[in-house]
């Protein structure tokens, strides 16, 4: 599939400035942000600690390493970062193996992008093993490629994930629309130069220049995404 991207981009460029759509996974396409929090709460309960709700907004949307390190520091739990990361991934995996609910509008949006041959990438801070399991629910055929947090030197909120996705697709980040649910992801995509659609999941996200904020993916379709890209080459 990836080898056909340049030709697809050429055809798309003739009718739209939009070259590709880059989508976050947890909380954006799949309703799993609660799964991660439940896994974190359960893990720390086993360690003798109660996680306050205030911690949730801090860890949401970030890479495992950052979230785990923060929670260890905040609670003083007697566990190493590698041990906690492995524990959280195991508990999260247990939950998603019972089935992963898609966010409202996600399947319809992916089908629309595929029908119009829009190059699409999954850009996540989750590990490769988690992404591969999620793709069974999302449909691997809906994505030209996927980017995982453990395959990059720097992950969200750094722009590297989105810059890498655009580079591998052979497109200009400034002609990409990114869809995110957290401030961490929005920062990553905007710093990379993408126009962003924010669909807040846990914490609110304010509108800004080059950023649209919607209530759900039910409000997002291809004409809407194309309207975000104003650059003309």
Protein backbone atom coordinates (compact mmCIF):
# COMPACT_ATOMS: atom_id res chain seq x y z
CA UNK A 1 0.00 0.00 0.00
CA UNK A 2 2.75 2.45 0.92
CA UNK A 3 4.38 2.24 -2.51
CA UNK A 4 1.28 3.73 -4.14
CA UNK A 5 1.23 6.86 -1.98
CA UNK A 6 3.05 9.28 -4.33
CA UNK A 7 0.59 8.64 -7.15
CA UNK A 8 -2.36 9.01 -4.80
CA UNK A 9 -1.00 12.30 -3.46
CA UNK A 10 -0.56 13.61 -7.00
CA UNK A 11 -4.18 12.86 -7.86
CA UNK A 12 -5.45 14.42 -4.62
CA UNK A 13 -3.42 17.58 -5.09
CA UNK A 14 -5.23 18.31 -8.33
CA UNK A 15 -8.55 18.87 -6.55
CA UNK A 16 -7.57 19.77 -3.00
CA UNK A 17 -4.73 21.27 -1.01
CA UNK A 18 -5.20 18.41 1.49
CA UNK A 19 -2.57 15.71 0.95
CA UNK A 20 -3.10 13.37 3.92
CA UNK A 21 -5.00 12.83 7.16
CA UNK A 22 -3.05 11.85 10.29
CA UNK A 23 -5.07 10.37 13.14
CA UNK A 24 -4.34 9.78 16.81
CA UNK A 25 -5.64 6.50 18.25
CA UNK A 26 -6.52 6.38 21.97
CA UNK A 27 -9.44 8.66 22.76
CA UNK A 28 -9.68 9.82 19.15
CA UNK A 29 -10.57 6.71 17.14
CA UNK A 30 -11.01 4.21 19.98
CA UNK A 31 -12.68 4.85 23.31
CA UNK A 32 -9.73 3.70 25.42
CA UNK A 33 -8.57 6.68 27.49
CA UNK A 34 -10.71 5.30 30.32
CA UNK A 35 -9.04 1.90 29.87
CA UNK A 36 -5.61 3.44 30.47
CA UNK A 37 -6.78 5.28 33.57
CA UNK A 38 -8.45 2.15 34.97
CA UNK A 39 -5.21 0.23 34.37
CA UNK A 40 -3.21 2.92 36.17
CA UNK A 41 -5.64 3.06 39.10
CA UNK A 42 -5.60 -0.73 39.47
CA UNK A 43 -1.82 -0.97 39.24
CA UNK A 44 -1.25 1.67 41.90
CA UNK A 45 -3.91 0.16 44.17
CA UNK A 46 -1.90 -3.06 44.10
CA UNK A 47 1.13 -0.99 45.08
CA UNK A 48 -0.78 0.54 48.00
CA UNK A 49 -1.55 3.94 46.49
CA UNK A 50 -4.72 5.76 45.48
CA UNK A 51 -4.49 7.91 42.36
CA UNK A 52 -6.24 11.27 42.64
CA UNK A 53 -8.44 12.35 39.75
CA UNK A 54 -6.22 15.40 39.32
CA UNK A 55 -3.47 13.14 37.99
CA UNK A 56 -5.65 11.99 35.10
CA UNK A 57 -5.50 15.22 33.10
CA UNK A 58 -1.71 15.28 33.47
CA UNK A 59 -1.06 11.77 32.16
CA UNK A 60 -3.71 11.63 29.42
CA UNK A 61 -2.41 11.55 25.87
CA UNK A 62 1.23 11.23 26.80
CA UNK A 63 3.73 8.45 26.16
CA UNK A 64 3.88 5.57 28.64
CA UNK A 65 7.35 6.53 29.84
CA UNK A 66 6.32 10.07 30.76
CA UNK A 67 3.02 9.08 32.40
CA UNK A 68 4.56 6.23 34.40
CA UNK A 69 7.49 8.37 35.56
CA UNK A 70 5.13 11.12 36.68
CA UNK A 71 2.91 8.73 38.64
CA UNK A 72 5.90 7.12 40.38
CA UNK A 73 7.15 10.55 41.43
CA UNK A 74 3.70 11.77 42.49
CA UNK A 75 2.94 8.72 44.64
CA UNK A 76 6.38 7.63 45.76
CA UNK A 77 5.52 4.06 44.72
CA UNK A 78 8.29 1.50 45.16
CA UNK A 79 8.55 0.33 41.56
CA UNK A 80 10.94 1.02 38.70
CA UNK A 81 9.90 2.71 35.48
CA UNK A 82 10.43 -0.44 33.33
CA UNK A 83 8.46 -2.54 35.83
CA UNK A 84 5.56 -0.10 35.91
CA UNK A 85 5.48 0.28 32.13
CA UNK A 86 5.30 -3.50 31.71
CA UNK A 87 2.58 -3.74 34.36
CA UNK A 88 0.44 -1.00 32.80
CA UNK A 89 0.79 -2.42 29.30
CA UNK A 90 -0.25 -5.85 30.59
CA UNK A 91 -3.32 -4.48 32.38
CA UNK A 92 -4.31 -2.37 29.38
CA UNK A 93 -3.89 -5.34 27.04
CA UNK A 94 -6.19 -7.42 29.26
CA UNK A 95 -8.87 -4.79 28.83
CA UNK A 96 -8.64 -4.34 25.06
CA UNK A 97 -8.73 -8.09 24.48
CA UNK A 98 -12.32 -7.96 25.68
CA UNK A 99 -13.17 -5.66 22.77
CA UNK A 100 -12.43 -2.08 21.81
CA UNK A 101 -15.29 0.39 21.29
CA UNK A 102 -14.77 2.89 18.48
CA UNK A 103 -15.53 6.56 19.05
CA UNK A 104 -18.77 7.85 17.47
CA UNK A 105 -18.15 8.64 13.81
CA UNK A 106 -14.77 6.90 13.62
CA UNK A 107 -15.72 4.00 11.37
CA UNK A 108 -17.70 6.23 9.03
CA UNK A 109 -14.81 8.72 8.74
CA UNK A 110 -12.24 5.98 8.04
CA UNK A 111 -14.51 4.48 5.39
CA UNK A 112 -14.97 7.89 3.73
CA UNK A 113 -11.23 8.56 3.63
CA UNK A 114 -10.57 5.10 2.19
CA UNK A 115 -13.30 5.48 -0.42
CA UNK A 116 -11.71 8.72 -1.65
CA UNK A 117 -8.18 7.28 -1.53
CA UNK A 118 -6.98 9.85 0.99
CA UNK A 119 -3.56 8.82 2.37
CA UNK A 120 -4.13 8.16 6.06
CA UNK A 121 -1.72 7.40 8.91
CA UNK A 122 -2.27 6.31 12.49
CA UNK A 123 -0.01 8.38 14.77
CA UNK A 124 0.03 7.16 18.38
CA UNK A 125 2.14 7.37 21.53
CA UNK A 126 1.15 3.79 22.34
CA UNK A 127 3.56 0.91 21.86
CA UNK A 128 3.64 -1.15 18.66
CA UNK A 129 2.09 -4.21 20.31
CA UNK A 130 -0.92 -2.16 21.44
CA UNK A 131 -1.34 -0.52 18.03
CA UNK A 132 -1.26 -3.84 16.21
CA UNK A 133 -4.04 -5.17 18.44
CA UNK A 134 -6.09 -2.00 17.89
CA UNK A 135 -5.73 -2.29 14.14
CA UNK A 136 -7.81 -5.47 14.26
CA UNK A 137 -10.74 -3.28 15.35
CA UNK A 138 -9.91 -0.24 13.22
CA UNK A 139 -9.08 -2.14 10.03
CA UNK A 140 -5.43 -2.14 8.93
CA UNK A 141 -6.57 -1.56 5.36
CA UNK A 142 -7.69 1.94 6.39
CA UNK A 143 -4.11 3.12 7.02
CA UNK A 144 -1.13 3.50 4.72
CA UNK A 145 1.11 3.30 7.79
CA UNK A 146 1.17 3.60 11.56
CA UNK A 147 3.60 5.31 13.93
CA UNK A 148 4.11 4.04 17.50
CA UNK A 149 5.65 5.82 20.45
CA UNK A 150 8.26 3.15 21.15
CA UNK A 151 9.67 3.25 17.61
CA UNK A 152 10.77 6.89 17.73
CA UNK A 153 13.47 8.69 19.66
CA UNK A 154 10.97 11.38 20.73
CA UNK A 155 7.21 11.05 20.96
CA UNK A 156 4.31 13.42 21.68
CA UNK A 157 4.30 16.33 22.52
CA UNK A 158 7.43 16.50 20.34
CA UNK A 159 6.59 16.95 16.61
CA UNK A 160 8.65 13.91 15.54
CA UNK A 161 5.67 11.50 15.29
CA UNK A 162 3.80 13.75 12.85
CA UNK A 163 6.90 14.78 10.94
CA UNK A 164 7.80 11.10 10.55
CA UNK A 165 4.32 10.18 9.32
CA UNK A 166 4.32 12.98 6.75
CA UNK A 167 7.83 12.10 5.59
CA UNK A 168 6.97 8.42 5.11
CA UNK A 169 3.84 9.36 3.19
CA UNK A 170 5.83 11.77 1.04
CA UNK A 171 3.61 14.74 1.89
CA UNK A 172 4.00 18.26 3.26
CA UNK A 173 2.94 18.52 6.97
CA UNK A 174 1.41 21.91 6.18
CA UNK A 175 -0.98 20.12 3.82
CA UNK A 176 -1.98 17.49 6.39
CA UNK A 177 -4.97 17.51 8.71
CA UNK A 178 -4.32 15.89 12.09
CA UNK A 179 -7.07 14.68 14.40
CA UNK A 180 -6.28 14.61 18.13
CA UNK A 181 -8.08 14.43 21.49
CA UNK A 182 -5.50 15.80 23.96
CA UNK A 183 -3.41 18.93 24.38
CA UNK A 184 -0.28 16.76 24.20
CA UNK A 185 -1.25 15.45 20.78
CA UNK A 186 -2.40 18.83 19.53
CA UNK A 187 0.97 20.34 20.47
CA UNK A 188 2.79 17.57 18.61
CA UNK A 189 0.76 17.99 15.43
CA UNK A 190 0.74 21.79 15.41
CA UNK A 191 4.47 22.03 16.08
CA UNK A 192 4.96 19.74 13.07
CA UNK A 193 3.01 22.26 10.98
CA UNK A 194 -0.29 20.38 10.59
CA UNK A 195 -3.76 21.86 10.75
CA UNK A 196 -5.56 20.23 13.67
CA UNK A 197 -9.04 19.02 14.49
CA UNK A 198 -9.32 18.61 18.26
CA UNK A 199 -11.95 16.26 19.64
CA UNK A 200 -11.41 16.66 23.41
CA UNK A 201 -11.79 13.42 25.39
CA UNK A 202 -10.77 14.07 29.02
CA UNK A 203 -9.67 17.71 29.27
CA UNK A 204 -10.98 20.70 27.30
CA UNK A 205 -9.01 22.14 24.38
CA UNK A 206 -9.47 25.73 23.28
CA UNK A 207 -9.87 26.79 19.62
CA UNK A 208 -6.87 28.56 18.09
CA UNK A 209 -5.53 29.68 14.74
CA UNK A 210 -5.22 26.65 12.48
CA UNK A 211 -7.19 24.52 14.96
CA UNK A 212 -10.83 23.48 14.93
CA UNK A 213 -12.49 22.05 18.02
CA UNK A 214 -15.49 19.73 17.61
CA UNK A 215 -17.67 17.68 19.91
CA UNK A 216 -17.16 14.35 18.17
CA UNK A 217 -15.99 12.76 14.93
CA UNK A 218 -19.62 12.84 13.81
CA UNK A 219 -18.88 16.48 12.90
CA UNK A 220 -15.83 15.59 10.79
CA UNK A 221 -15.94 14.56 7.15
CA UNK A 222 -13.69 14.93 4.11
CA UNK A 223 -15.05 18.34 2.99
CA UNK A 224 -14.50 19.63 6.54
CA UNK A 225 -10.91 18.37 6.58
CA UNK A 226 -10.23 19.85 3.15
CA UNK A 227 -11.55 23.22 4.34
CA UNK A 228 -8.78 23.37 6.96
CA UNK A 229 -5.99 23.44 4.38
CA UNK A 230 -5.65 26.86 2.79
CA UNK A 231 -2.18 26.49 1.25
CA UNK A 232 -2.18 26.38 -2.52
CA UNK A 233 0.93 25.15 -4.39
